[in-house]
Amino acid sequence: MELGIPFDLIVTIVNKGGSETIIQASKSAGAEGGTIIFGRGTGIREKKMLWGIPIEPEKDIILTIVPRDKTQAILKAIVEQGDLNKPGAGMAFVVELKTVAGICHLCSPEA
């Protein structure tokens, strides 16, 4: 069943271990949770060496689906509490979702 409520997806990418701060920030601003997946960085700031061997930095990727009317408040909390305005701290962006299904707790009892 599709929901008629407009939603956005906030995608946040931070260094490994930083996801808990992002989840707490988003929840404090009105999100109900998120999904954490793992990745690796390949940007110019990501080139690190250990004993002459290149290391591929691990990343936490947090996917948070939020009602569109809460997007800006949640994004602001993520940026502030995650220090995303500092170089190398991470990044966040918003994707407008066309259709969302499976968020059953938001369905009305009549649905």
PDB file of N, CA and C in Angstrom:
ATOM      1  N   MET A   1       0.837  -1.186   0.000  1.00  0.00           N
ATOM      2  CA  MET A   1       0.000   0.000   0.000  1.00  0.00           C
ATOM      3  C   MET A   1       0.877   1.242   0.000  1.00  0.00           C
ATOM      4  N   GLU A   2       0.606   2.149  -0.889  1.00  0.00           N
ATOM      5  CA  GLU A   2       1.342   3.402  -0.946  1.00  0.00           C
ATOM      6  C   GLU A   2       0.754   4.390   0.041  1.00  0.00           C
ATOM      7  N   LEU A   3       1.593   5.249   0.564  1.00  0.00           N
ATOM      8  CA  LEU A   3       1.142   6.298   1.474  1.00  0.00           C
ATOM      9  C   LEU A   3       1.031   7.604   0.712  1.00  0.00           C
ATOM     10  N   GLY A   4       0.030   8.406   1.021  1.00  0.00           N
ATOM     11  CA  GLY A   4      -0.157   9.681   0.356  1.00  0.00           C
ATOM     12  C   GLY A   4       0.673  10.807   0.959  1.00  0.00           C
ATOM     13  N   ILE A   5       1.420  10.515   2.009  1.00  0.00           N
ATOM     14  CA  ILE A   5       2.238  11.523   2.681  1.00  0.00           C
ATOM     15  C   ILE A   5       3.523  11.720   1.878  1.00  0.00           C
ATOM     16  N   PRO A   6       3.946  12.965   1.612  1.00  0.00           N
ATOM     17  CA  PRO A   6       5.220  13.167   0.900  1.00  0.00           C
ATOM     18  C   PRO A   6       6.417  12.912   1.828  1.00  0.00           C
ATOM     19  N   PHE A   7       7.393  12.166   1.321  1.00  0.00           N
ATOM     20  CA  PHE A   7       8.579  11.813   2.096  1.00  0.00           C
ATOM     21  C   PHE A   7       9.850  12.223   1.359  1.00  0.00           C
ATOM     22  N   ASP A   8      10.911  12.405   2.133  1.00  0.00           N
ATOM     23  CA  ASP A   8      12.262  12.606   1.614  1.00  0.00           C
ATOM     24  C   ASP A   8      13.163  11.532   2.202  1.00  0.00           C
ATOM     25  N   LEU A   9      14.263  11.280   1.521  1.00  0.00           N
ATOM     26  CA  LEU A   9      15.308  10.398   2.022  1.00  0.00           C
ATOM     27  C   LEU A   9      16.519  11.258   2.327  1.00  0.00           C
ATOM     28  N   ILE A  10      16.956  11.240   3.572  1.00  0.00           N
ATOM     29  CA  ILE A  10      18.197  11.914   3.941  1.00  0.00           C
ATOM     30  C   ILE A  10      19.289  10.852   3.942  1.00  0.00           C
ATOM     31  N   VAL A  11      20.305  11.050   3.124  1.00  0.00           N
ATOM     32  CA  VAL A  11      21.441  10.141   3.050  1.00  0.00           C
ATOM     33  C   VAL A  11      22.616  10.851   3.729  1.00  0.00           C
ATOM     34  N   THR A  12      23.181  10.209   4.736  1.00  0.00           N
ATOM     35  CA  THR A  12      24.314  10.780   5.461  1.00  0.00           C
ATOM     36  C   THR A  12      25.466   9.791   5.393  1.00  0.00           C
ATOM     37  N   ILE A  13      26.646  10.291   5.025  1.00  0.00           N
ATOM     38  CA  ILE A  13      27.839   9.452   4.934  1.00  0.00           C
ATOM     39  C   ILE A  13      28.880  10.008   5.894  1.00  0.00           C
ATOM     40  N   VAL A  14      29.295   9.182   6.843  1.00  0.00           N
ATOM     41  CA  VAL A  14      30.271   9.592   7.851  1.00  0.00           C
ATOM     42  C   VAL A  14      31.324   8.505   8.028  1.00  0.00           C
ATOM     43  N   ASN A  15      32.387   8.826   8.726  1.00  0.00           N
ATOM     44  CA  ASN A  15      33.417   7.833   9.005  1.00  0.00           C
ATOM     45  C   ASN A  15      32.844   6.707   9.861  1.00  0.00           C
ATOM     46  N   LYS A  16      33.419   5.526   9.719  1.00  0.00           N
ATOM     47  CA  LYS A  16      32.962   4.355  10.465  1.00  0.00           C
ATOM     48  C   LYS A  16      32.886   4.687  11.949  1.00  0.00           C
ATOM     49  N   GLY A  17      31.768   4.321  12.550  1.00  0.00           N
ATOM     50  CA  GLY A  17      31.562   4.574  13.968  1.00  0.00           C
ATOM     51  C   GLY A  17      30.779   5.849  14.245  1.00  0.00           C
ATOM     52  N   GLY A  18      30.566   6.661  13.227  1.00  0.00           N
ATOM     53  CA  GLY A  18      29.864   7.927  13.423  1.00  0.00           C
ATOM     54  C   GLY A  18      28.358   7.844  13.278  1.00  0.00           C
ATOM     55  N   SER A  19      27.845   6.680  12.966  1.00  0.00           N
ATOM     56  CA  SER A  19      26.409   6.562  12.687  1.00  0.00           C
ATOM     57  C   SER A  19      25.544   6.785  13.923  1.00  0.00           C
ATOM     58  N   GLU A  20      26.022   6.408  15.083  1.00  0.00           N
ATOM     59  CA  GLU A  20      25.204   6.556  16.293  1.00  0.00           C
ATOM     60  C   GLU A  20      24.893   8.024  16.572  1.00  0.00           C
ATOM     61  N   THR A  21      25.863   8.901  16.367  1.00  0.00           N
ATOM     62  CA  THR A  21      25.644  10.339  16.543  1.00  0.00           C
ATOM     63  C   THR A  21      24.581  10.835  15.580  1.00  0.00           C
ATOM     64  N   ILE A  22      24.633  10.366  14.339  1.00  0.00           N
ATOM     65  CA  ILE A  22      23.680  10.792  13.317  1.00  0.00           C
ATOM     66  C   ILE A  22      22.277  10.287  13.638  1.00  0.00           C
ATOM     67  N   ILE A  23      22.165   9.033  14.043  1.00  0.00           N
ATOM     68  CA  ILE A  23      20.856   8.464  14.395  1.00  0.00           C
ATOM     69  C   ILE A  23      20.261   9.222  15.578  1.00  0.00           C
ATOM     70  N   GLN A  24      21.066   9.498  16.611  1.00  0.00           N
ATOM     71  CA  GLN A  24      20.568  10.231  17.774  1.00  0.00           C
ATOM     72  C   GLN A  24      20.124  11.635  17.379  1.00  0.00           C
ATOM     73  N   ALA A  25      20.908  12.296  16.525  1.00  0.00           N
ATOM     74  CA  ALA A  25      20.559  13.647  16.083  1.00  0.00           C
ATOM     75  C   ALA A  25      19.243  13.639  15.319  1.00  0.00           C
ATOM     76  N   SER A  26      19.083  12.688  14.404  1.00  0.00           N
ATOM     77  CA  SER A  26      17.867  12.651  13.603  1.00  0.00           C
ATOM     78  C   SER A  26      16.647  12.324  14.461  1.00  0.00           C
ATOM     79  N   LYS A  27      16.800  11.410  15.415  1.00  0.00           N
ATOM     80  CA  LYS A  27      15.685  11.083  16.306  1.00  0.00           C
ATOM     81  C   LYS A  27      15.305  12.277  17.176  1.00  0.00           C
ATOM     82  N   SER A  28      16.303  13.007  17.665  1.00  0.00           N
ATOM     83  CA  SER A  28      16.016  14.164  18.517  1.00  0.00           C
ATOM     84  C   SER A  28      15.265  15.248  17.751  1.00  0.00           C
ATOM     85  N   ALA A  29      15.386  15.256  16.423  1.00  0.00           N
ATOM     86  CA  ALA A  29      14.719  16.262  15.597  1.00  0.00           C
ATOM     87  C   ALA A  29      13.413  15.758  14.992  1.00  0.00           C
ATOM     88  N   GLY A  30      13.014  14.523  15.298  1.00  0.00           N
ATOM     89  CA  GLY A  30      11.720  14.046  14.836  1.00  0.00           C
ATOM     90  C   GLY A  30      11.702  12.824  13.939  1.00  0.00           C
ATOM     91  N   ALA A  31      12.863  12.302  13.562  1.00  0.00           N
ATOM     92  CA  ALA A  31      12.884  11.078  12.754  1.00  0.00           C
ATOM     93  C   ALA A  31      12.566   9.881  13.652  1.00  0.00           C
ATOM     94  N   GLU A  32      12.104   8.814  13.042  1.00  0.00           N
ATOM     95  CA  GLU A  32      11.755   7.633  13.824  1.00  0.00           C
ATOM     96  C   GLU A  32      12.849   6.574  13.829  1.00  0.00           C
ATOM     97  N   GLY A  33      13.881   6.762  13.039  1.00  0.00           N
ATOM     98  CA  GLY A  33      14.959   5.784  12.976  1.00  0.00           C
ATOM     99  C   GLY A  33      15.700   5.912  11.674  1.00  0.00           C
ATOM    100  N   GLY A  34      16.464   4.900  11.338  1.00  0.00           N
ATOM    101  CA  GLY A  34      17.227   4.920  10.102  1.00  0.00           C
ATOM    102  C   GLY A  34      17.809   3.552   9.830  1.00  0.00           C
ATOM    103  N   THR A  35      18.425   3.429   8.689  1.00  0.00           N
ATOM    104  CA  THR A  35      19.086   2.189   8.299  1.00  0.00           C
ATOM    105  C   THR A  35      20.558   2.505   8.070  1.00  0.00           C
ATOM    106  N   ILE A  36      21.433   1.703   8.650  1.00  0.00           N
ATOM    107  CA  ILE A  36      22.872   1.910   8.524  1.00  0.00           C
ATOM    108  C   ILE A  36      23.428   0.823   7.611  1.00  0.00           C
ATOM    109  N   ILE A  37      24.149   1.264   6.580  1.00  0.00           N
ATOM    110  CA  ILE A  37      24.860   0.321   5.729  1.00  0.00           C
ATOM    111  C   ILE A  37      26.331   0.742   5.707  1.00  0.00           C
ATOM    112  N   PHE A  38      27.175  -0.153   5.299  1.00  0.00           N
ATOM    113  CA  PHE A  38      28.612   0.113   5.349  1.00  0.00           C
ATOM    114  C   PHE A  38      29.179   0.266   3.945  1.00  0.00           C
ATOM    115  N   GLY A  39      30.148   1.145   3.818  1.00  0.00           N
ATOM    116  CA  GLY A  39      30.774   1.399   2.532  1.00  0.00           C
ATOM    117  C   GLY A  39      32.229   1.775   2.725  1.00  0.00           C
ATOM    118  N   ARG A  40      32.863   2.227   1.648  1.00  0.00           N
ATOM    119  CA  ARG A  40      34.245   2.679   1.722  1.00  0.00           C
ATOM    120  C   ARG A  40      34.396   3.958   0.917  1.00  0.00           C
ATOM    121  N   GLY A  41      35.298   4.814   1.357  1.00  0.00           N
ATOM    122  CA  GLY A  41      35.514   6.089   0.701  1.00  0.00           C
ATOM    123  C   GLY A  41      36.572   5.999  -0.382  1.00  0.00           C
ATOM    124  N   THR A  42      36.417   6.844  -1.413  1.00  0.00           N
ATOM    125  CA  THR A  42      37.406   6.886  -2.489  1.00  0.00           C
ATOM    126  C   THR A  42      37.780   8.314  -2.863  1.00  0.00           C
ATOM    127  N   GLY A  43      37.369   9.304  -2.057  1.00  0.00           N
ATOM    128  CA  GLY A  43      37.655  10.704  -2.359  1.00  0.00           C
ATOM    129  C   GLY A  43      39.113  11.063  -2.139  1.00  0.00           C
ATOM    130  N   ILE A  44      39.487  12.305  -2.520  1.00  0.00           N
ATOM    131  CA  ILE A  44      40.882  12.718  -2.397  1.00  0.00           C
ATOM    132  C   ILE A  44      41.329  12.804  -0.952  1.00  0.00           C
ATOM    133  N   ARG A  45      40.406  13.037  -0.036  1.00  0.00           N
ATOM    134  CA  ARG A  45      40.752  13.076   1.385  1.00  0.00           C
ATOM    135  C   ARG A  45      40.863  11.685   1.985  1.00  0.00           C
ATOM    136  N   GLU A  46      40.529  10.673   1.221  1.00  0.00           N
ATOM    137  CA  GLU A  46      40.457   9.317   1.741  1.00  0.00           C
ATOM    138  C   GLU A  46      41.770   8.539   1.606  1.00  0.00           C
ATOM    139  N   LYS A  47      42.778   9.115   0.982  1.00  0.00           N
ATOM    140  CA  LYS A  47      44.019   8.375   0.749  1.00  0.00           C
ATOM    141  C   LYS A  47      44.880   8.382   2.006  1.00  0.00           C
ATOM    142  N   LYS A  48      44.907   7.243   2.687  1.00  0.00           N
ATOM    143  CA  LYS A  48      45.716   7.087   3.892  1.00  0.00           C
ATOM    144  C   LYS A  48      46.610   5.870   3.701  1.00  0.00           C
ATOM    145  N   MET A  49      47.732   5.900   4.365  1.00  0.00           N
ATOM    146  CA  MET A  49      48.690   4.799   4.239  1.00  0.00           C
ATOM    147  C   MET A  49      49.030   4.262   5.628  1.00  0.00           C
ATOM    148  N   LEU A  50      49.279   2.968   5.696  1.00  0.00           N
ATOM    149  CA  LEU A  50      49.770   2.320   6.903  1.00  0.00           C
ATOM    150  C   LEU A  50      50.935   1.443   6.479  1.00  0.00           C
ATOM    151  N   TRP A  51      52.132   1.813   6.914  1.00  0.00           N
ATOM    152  CA  TRP A  51      53.368   1.119   6.530  1.00  0.00           C
ATOM    153  C   TRP A  51      53.513   1.026   5.017  1.00  0.00           C
ATOM    154  N   GLY A  52      53.127   2.098   4.332  1.00  0.00           N
ATOM    155  CA  GLY A  52      53.255   2.159   2.887  1.00  0.00           C
ATOM    156  C   GLY A  52      52.166   1.441   2.116  1.00  0.00           C
ATOM    157  N   ILE A  53      51.187   0.907   2.827  1.00  0.00           N
ATOM    158  CA  ILE A  53      50.088   0.189   2.176  1.00  0.00           C
ATOM    159  C   ILE A  53      48.856   1.090   2.212  1.00  0.00           C
ATOM    160  N   PRO A  54      48.227   1.324   1.050  1.00  0.00           N
ATOM    161  CA  PRO A  54      47.026   2.169   1.043  1.00  0.00           C
ATOM    162  C   PRO A  54      45.879   1.525   1.826  1.00  0.00           C
ATOM    163  N   ILE A  55      45.182   2.351   2.603  1.00  0.00           N
ATOM    164  CA  ILE A  55      44.036   1.893   3.384  1.00  0.00           C
ATOM    165  C   ILE A  55      42.782   2.522   2.789  1.00  0.00           C
ATOM    166  N   GLU A  56      41.781   1.715   2.587  1.00  0.00           N
ATOM    167  CA  GLU A  56      40.506   2.242   2.110  1.00  0.00           C
ATOM    168  C   GLU A  56      39.630   2.497   3.326  1.00  0.00           C
ATOM    169  N   PRO A  57      39.368   3.772   3.638  1.00  0.00           N
ATOM    170  CA  PRO A  57      38.594   4.105   4.833  1.00  0.00           C
ATOM    171  C   PRO A  57      37.163   3.576   4.762  1.00  0.00           C
ATOM    172  N   GLU A  58      36.720   3.034   5.876  1.00  0.00           N
ATOM    173  CA  GLU A  58      35.368   2.514   5.965  1.00  0.00           C
ATOM    174  C   GLU A  58      34.409   3.637   6.331  1.00  0.00           C
ATOM    175  N   LYS A  59      33.201   3.557   5.823  1.00  0.00           N
ATOM    176  CA  LYS A  59      32.183   4.580   6.029  1.00  0.00           C
ATOM    177  C   LYS A  59      30.893   3.961   6.554  1.00  0.00           C
ATOM    178  N   ASP A  60      30.150   4.752   7.308  1.00  0.00           N
ATOM    179  CA  ASP A  60      28.781   4.418   7.682  1.00  0.00           C
ATOM    180  C   ASP A  60      27.876   5.264   6.793  1.00  0.00           C
ATOM    181  N   ILE A  61      26.895   4.633   6.190  1.00  0.00           N
ATOM    182  CA  ILE A  61      25.920   5.328   5.360  1.00  0.00           C
ATOM    183  C   ILE A  61      24.571   5.160   6.047  1.00  0.00           C
ATOM    184  N   ILE A  62      23.970   6.286   6.418  1.00  0.00           N
ATOM    185  CA  ILE A  62      22.715   6.256   7.152  1.00  0.00           C
ATOM    186  C   ILE A  62      21.599   6.732   6.228  1.00  0.00           C
ATOM    187  N   LEU A  63      20.594   5.892   6.057  1.00  0.00           N
ATOM    188  CA  LEU A  63      19.426   6.208   5.233  1.00  0.00           C
ATOM    189  C   LEU A  63      18.256   6.492   6.165  1.00  0.00           C
ATOM    190  N   THR A  64      17.691   7.689   6.051  1.00  0.00           N
ATOM    191  CA  THR A  64      16.607   8.084   6.930  1.00  0.00           C
ATOM    192  C   THR A  64      15.445   8.614   6.089  1.00  0.00           C
ATOM    193  N   ILE A  65      14.324   7.907   6.106  1.00  0.00           N
ATOM    194  CA  ILE A  65      13.124   8.363   5.406  1.00  0.00           C
ATOM    195  C   ILE A  65      12.308   9.188   6.386  1.00  0.00           C
ATOM    196  N   VAL A  66      12.000  10.419   5.972  1.00  0.00           N
ATOM    197  CA  VAL A  66      11.300  11.341   6.869  1.00  0.00           C
ATOM    198  C   VAL A  66      10.151  12.030   6.140  1.00  0.00           C
ATOM    199  N   PRO A  67       9.091  12.388   6.871  1.00  0.00           N
ATOM    200  CA  PRO A  67       8.047  13.199   6.248  1.00  0.00           C
ATOM    201  C   PRO A  67       8.651  14.526   5.792  1.00  0.00           C
ATOM    202  N   ARG A  68       8.251  14.969   4.623  1.00  0.00           N
ATOM    203  CA  ARG A  68       8.861  16.158   4.022  1.00  0.00           C
ATOM    204  C   ARG A  68       8.791  17.383   4.925  1.00  0.00           C
ATOM    205  N   ASP A  69       7.759  17.516   5.733  1.00  0.00           N
ATOM    206  CA  ASP A  69       7.652  18.695   6.585  1.00  0.00           C
ATOM    207  C   ASP A  69       8.662  18.701   7.736  1.00  0.00           C
ATOM    208  N   LYS A  70       9.347  17.574   7.958  1.00  0.00           N
ATOM    209  CA  LYS A  70      10.367  17.500   9.014  1.00  0.00           C
ATOM    210  C   LYS A  70      11.792  17.475   8.450  1.00  0.00           C
ATOM    211  N   THR A  71      11.929  17.438   7.133  1.00  0.00           N
ATOM    212  CA  THR A  71      13.239  17.253   6.510  1.00  0.00           C
ATOM    213  C   THR A  71      14.262  18.287   6.947  1.00  0.00           C
ATOM    214  N   GLN A  72      13.936  19.563   6.859  1.00  0.00           N
ATOM    215  CA  GLN A  72      14.925  20.613   7.145  1.00  0.00           C
ATOM    216  C   GLN A  72      15.373  20.603   8.598  1.00  0.00           C
ATOM    217  N   ALA A  73      14.463  20.373   9.531  1.00  0.00           N
ATOM    218  CA  ALA A  73      14.829  20.326  10.950  1.00  0.00           C
ATOM    219  C   ALA A  73      15.747  19.135  11.236  1.00  0.00           C
ATOM    220  N   ILE A  74      15.441  18.000  10.632  1.00  0.00           N
ATOM    221  CA  ILE A  74      16.249  16.800  10.850  1.00  0.00           C
ATOM    222  C   ILE A  74      17.619  16.964  10.200  1.00  0.00           C
ATOM    223  N   LEU A  75      17.653  17.490   8.975  1.00  0.00           N
ATOM    224  CA  LEU A  75      18.931  17.719   8.297  1.00  0.00           C
ATOM    225  C   LEU A  75      19.803  18.690   9.096  1.00  0.00           C
ATOM    226  N   LYS A  76      19.209  19.745   9.615  1.00  0.00           N
ATOM    227  CA  LYS A  76      19.953  20.718  10.415  1.00  0.00           C
ATOM    228  C   LYS A  76      20.569  20.049  11.645  1.00  0.00           C
ATOM    229  N   ALA A  77      19.804  19.205  12.339  1.00  0.00           N
ATOM    230  CA  ALA A  77      20.324  18.502  13.516  1.00  0.00           C
ATOM    231  C   ALA A  77      21.470  17.571  13.139  1.00  0.00           C
ATOM    232  N   ILE A  78      21.342  16.881  12.014  1.00  0.00           N
ATOM    233  CA  ILE A  78      22.399  15.975  11.553  1.00  0.00           C
ATOM    234  C   ILE A  78      23.675  16.751  11.261  1.00  0.00           C
ATOM    235  N   VAL A  79      23.553  17.853  10.535  1.00  0.00           N
ATOM    236  CA  VAL A  79      24.729  18.663  10.173  1.00  0.00           C
ATOM    237  C   VAL A  79      25.399  19.225  11.427  1.00  0.00           C
ATOM    238  N   GLU A  80      24.609  19.757  12.345  1.00  0.00           N
ATOM    239  CA  GLU A  80      25.177  20.359  13.556  1.00  0.00           C
ATOM    240  C   GLU A  80      25.819  19.323  14.470  1.00  0.00           C
ATOM    241  N   GLN A  81      25.078  18.274  14.807  1.00  0.00           N
ATOM    242  CA  GLN A  81      25.592  17.294  15.759  1.00  0.00           C
ATOM    243  C   GLN A  81      26.660  16.386  15.156  1.00  0.00           C
ATOM    244  N   GLY A  82      26.641  16.234  13.837  1.00  0.00           N
ATOM    245  CA  GLY A  82      27.653  15.427  13.168  1.00  0.00           C
ATOM    246  C   GLY A  82      28.859  16.226  12.721  1.00  0.00           C
ATOM    247  N   ASP A  83      28.859  17.540  12.995  1.00  0.00           N
ATOM    248  CA  ASP A  83      29.954  18.440  12.584  1.00  0.00           C
ATOM    249  C   ASP A  83      30.240  18.334  11.089  1.00  0.00           C
ATOM    250  N   LEU A  84      29.204  18.223  10.280  1.00  0.00           N
ATOM    251  CA  LEU A  84      29.393  18.000   8.851  1.00  0.00           C
ATOM    252  C   LEU A  84      29.900  19.229   8.100  1.00  0.00           C
ATOM    253  N   ASN A  85      29.963  20.369   8.760  1.00  0.00           N
ATOM    254  CA  ASN A  85      30.538  21.556   8.124  1.00  0.00           C
ATOM    255  C   ASN A  85      32.062  21.591   8.239  1.00  0.00           C
ATOM    256  N   LYS A  86      32.643  20.603   8.908  1.00  0.00           N
ATOM    257  CA  LYS A  86      34.100  20.505   9.019  1.00  0.00           C
ATOM    258  C   LYS A  86      34.633  19.592   7.916  1.00  0.00           C
ATOM    259  N   PRO A  87      35.767  19.947   7.316  1.00  0.00           N
ATOM    260  CA  PRO A  87      36.342  19.104   6.254  1.00  0.00           C
ATOM    261  C   PRO A  87      36.594  17.664   6.730  1.00  0.00           C
ATOM    262  N   GLY A  88      36.207  16.727   5.919  1.00  0.00           N
ATOM    263  CA  GLY A  88      36.458  15.323   6.208  1.00  0.00           C
ATOM    264  C   GLY A  88      35.505  14.692   7.199  1.00  0.00           C
ATOM    265  N   ALA A  89      34.521  15.454   7.710  1.00  0.00           N
ATOM    266  CA  ALA A  89      33.607  14.908   8.720  1.00  0.00           C
ATOM    267  C   ALA A  89      32.499  14.067   8.109  1.00  0.00           C
ATOM    268  N   GLY A  90      32.180  14.317   6.860  1.00  0.00           N
ATOM    269  CA  GLY A  90      31.110  13.573   6.218  1.00  0.00           C
ATOM    270  C   GLY A  90      30.256  14.493   5.378  1.00  0.00           C
ATOM    271  N   MET A  91      29.157  13.934   4.889  1.00  0.00           N
ATOM    272  CA  MET A  91      28.248  14.716   4.055  1.00  0.00           C
ATOM    273  C   MET A  91      26.839  14.178   4.205  1.00  0.00           C
ATOM    274  N   ALA A  92      25.877  15.027   3.848  1.00  0.00           N
ATOM    275  CA  ALA A  92      24.479  14.611   3.851  1.00  0.00           C
ATOM    276  C   ALA A  92      23.793  15.262   2.659  1.00  0.00           C
ATOM    277  N   PHE A  93      22.822  14.563   2.107  1.00  0.00           N
ATOM    278  CA  PHE A  93      22.018  15.136   1.041  1.00  0.00           C
ATOM    279  C   PHE A  93      20.613  14.550   1.109  1.00  0.00           C
ATOM    280  N   VAL A  94      19.688  15.246   0.443  1.00  0.00           N
ATOM    281  CA  VAL A  94      18.277  14.876   0.495  1.00  0.00           C
ATOM    282  C   VAL A  94      17.806  14.485  -0.903  1.00  0.00           C
ATOM    283  N   VAL A  95      17.063  13.398  -0.958  1.00  0.00           N
ATOM    284  CA  VAL A  95      16.461  12.928  -2.211  1.00  0.00           C
ATOM    285  C   VAL A  95      14.946  12.908  -2.003  1.00  0.00           C
ATOM    286  N   GLU A  96      14.243  13.565  -2.902  1.00  0.00           N
ATOM    287  CA  GLU A  96      12.782  13.555  -2.834  1.00  0.00           C
ATOM    288  C   GLU A  96      12.283  12.188  -3.279  1.00  0.00           C
ATOM    289  N   LEU A  97      11.426  11.581  -2.471  1.00  0.00           N
ATOM    290  CA  LEU A  97      10.896  10.262  -2.803  1.00  0.00           C
ATOM    291  C   LEU A  97       9.550  10.400  -3.495  1.00  0.00           C
ATOM    292  N   LYS A  98       9.407   9.706  -4.595  1.00  0.00           N
ATOM    293  CA  LYS A  98       8.165   9.757  -5.365  1.00  0.00           C
ATOM    294  C   LYS A  98       7.078   8.907  -4.702  1.00  0.00           C
ATOM    295  N   THR A  99       7.464   7.721  -4.265  1.00  0.00           N
ATOM    296  CA  THR A  99       6.515   6.790  -3.670  1.00  0.00           C
ATOM    297  C   THR A  99       7.189   6.050  -2.527  1.00  0.00           C
ATOM    298  N   VAL A 100       6.439   5.825  -1.463  1.00  0.00           N
ATOM    299  CA  VAL A 100       6.941   5.059  -0.321  1.00  0.00           C
ATOM    300  C   VAL A 100       5.905   4.007   0.031  1.00  0.00           C
ATOM    301  N   ALA A 101       6.356   2.804   0.286  1.00  0.00           N
ATOM    302  CA  ALA A 101       5.473   1.720   0.715  1.00  0.00           C
ATOM    303  C   ALA A 101       6.154   0.971   1.847  1.00  0.00           C
ATOM    304  N   GLY A 102       5.367   0.316   2.666  1.00  0.00           N
ATOM    305  CA  GLY A 102       5.922  -0.538   3.707  1.00  0.00           C
ATOM    306  C   GLY A 102       6.182   0.129   5.039  1.00  0.00           C
ATOM    307  N   ILE A 103       5.815   1.377   5.186  1.00  0.00           N
ATOM    308  CA  ILE A 103       5.949   2.034   6.490  1.00  0.00           C
ATOM    309  C   ILE A 103       4.585   1.874   7.167  1.00  0.00           C
ATOM    310  N   CYS A 104       4.320   0.644   7.576  1.00  0.00           N
ATOM    311  CA  CYS A 104       2.976   0.248   8.010  1.00  0.00           C
ATOM    312  C   CYS A 104       2.490   0.980   9.254  1.00  0.00           C
ATOM    313  N   HIS A 105       3.393   1.381  10.130  1.00  0.00           N
ATOM    314  CA  HIS A 105       2.955   2.069  11.357  1.00  0.00           C
ATOM    315  C   HIS A 105       2.367   3.438  11.062  1.00  0.00           C
ATOM    316  N   LEU A 106       2.572   3.969   9.849  1.00  0.00           N
ATOM    317  CA  LEU A 106       1.976   5.249   9.469  1.00  0.00           C
ATOM    318  C   LEU A 106       0.643   5.081   8.762  1.00  0.00           C
ATOM    319  N   CYS A 107       0.280   3.843   8.474  1.00  0.00           N
ATOM    320  CA  CYS A 107      -1.002   3.590   7.797  1.00  0.00           C
ATOM    321  C   CYS A 107      -2.137   3.802   8.787  1.00  0.00           C
ATOM    322  N   SER A 108      -3.256   4.298   8.282  1.00  0.00           N
ATOM    323  CA  SER A 108      -4.422   4.484   9.150  1.00  0.00           C
ATOM    324  C   SER A 108      -5.036   3.118   9.452  1.00  0.00           C
ATOM    325  N   PRO A 109      -5.768   2.996  10.572  1.00  0.00           N
ATOM    326  CA  PRO A 109      -6.395   1.713  10.900  1.00  0.00           C
ATOM    327  C   PRO A 109      -7.378   1.240   9.839  1.00  0.00           C
ATOM    328  N   GLU A 110      -7.953   2.169   9.067  1.00  0.00           N
ATOM    329  CA  GLU A 110      -8.902   1.795   8.028  1.00  0.00           C
ATOM    330  C   GLU A 110      -8.224   1.207   6.802  1.00  0.00           C
ATOM    331  N   ALA A 111      -6.885   1.389   6.677  1.00  0.00           N
ATOM    332  CA  ALA A 111      -6.160   0.952   5.478  1.00  0.00           C
ATOM    333  C   ALA A 111      -6.044  -0.544   5.399  1.00  0.00           C
TER     334      ALA A 111
END
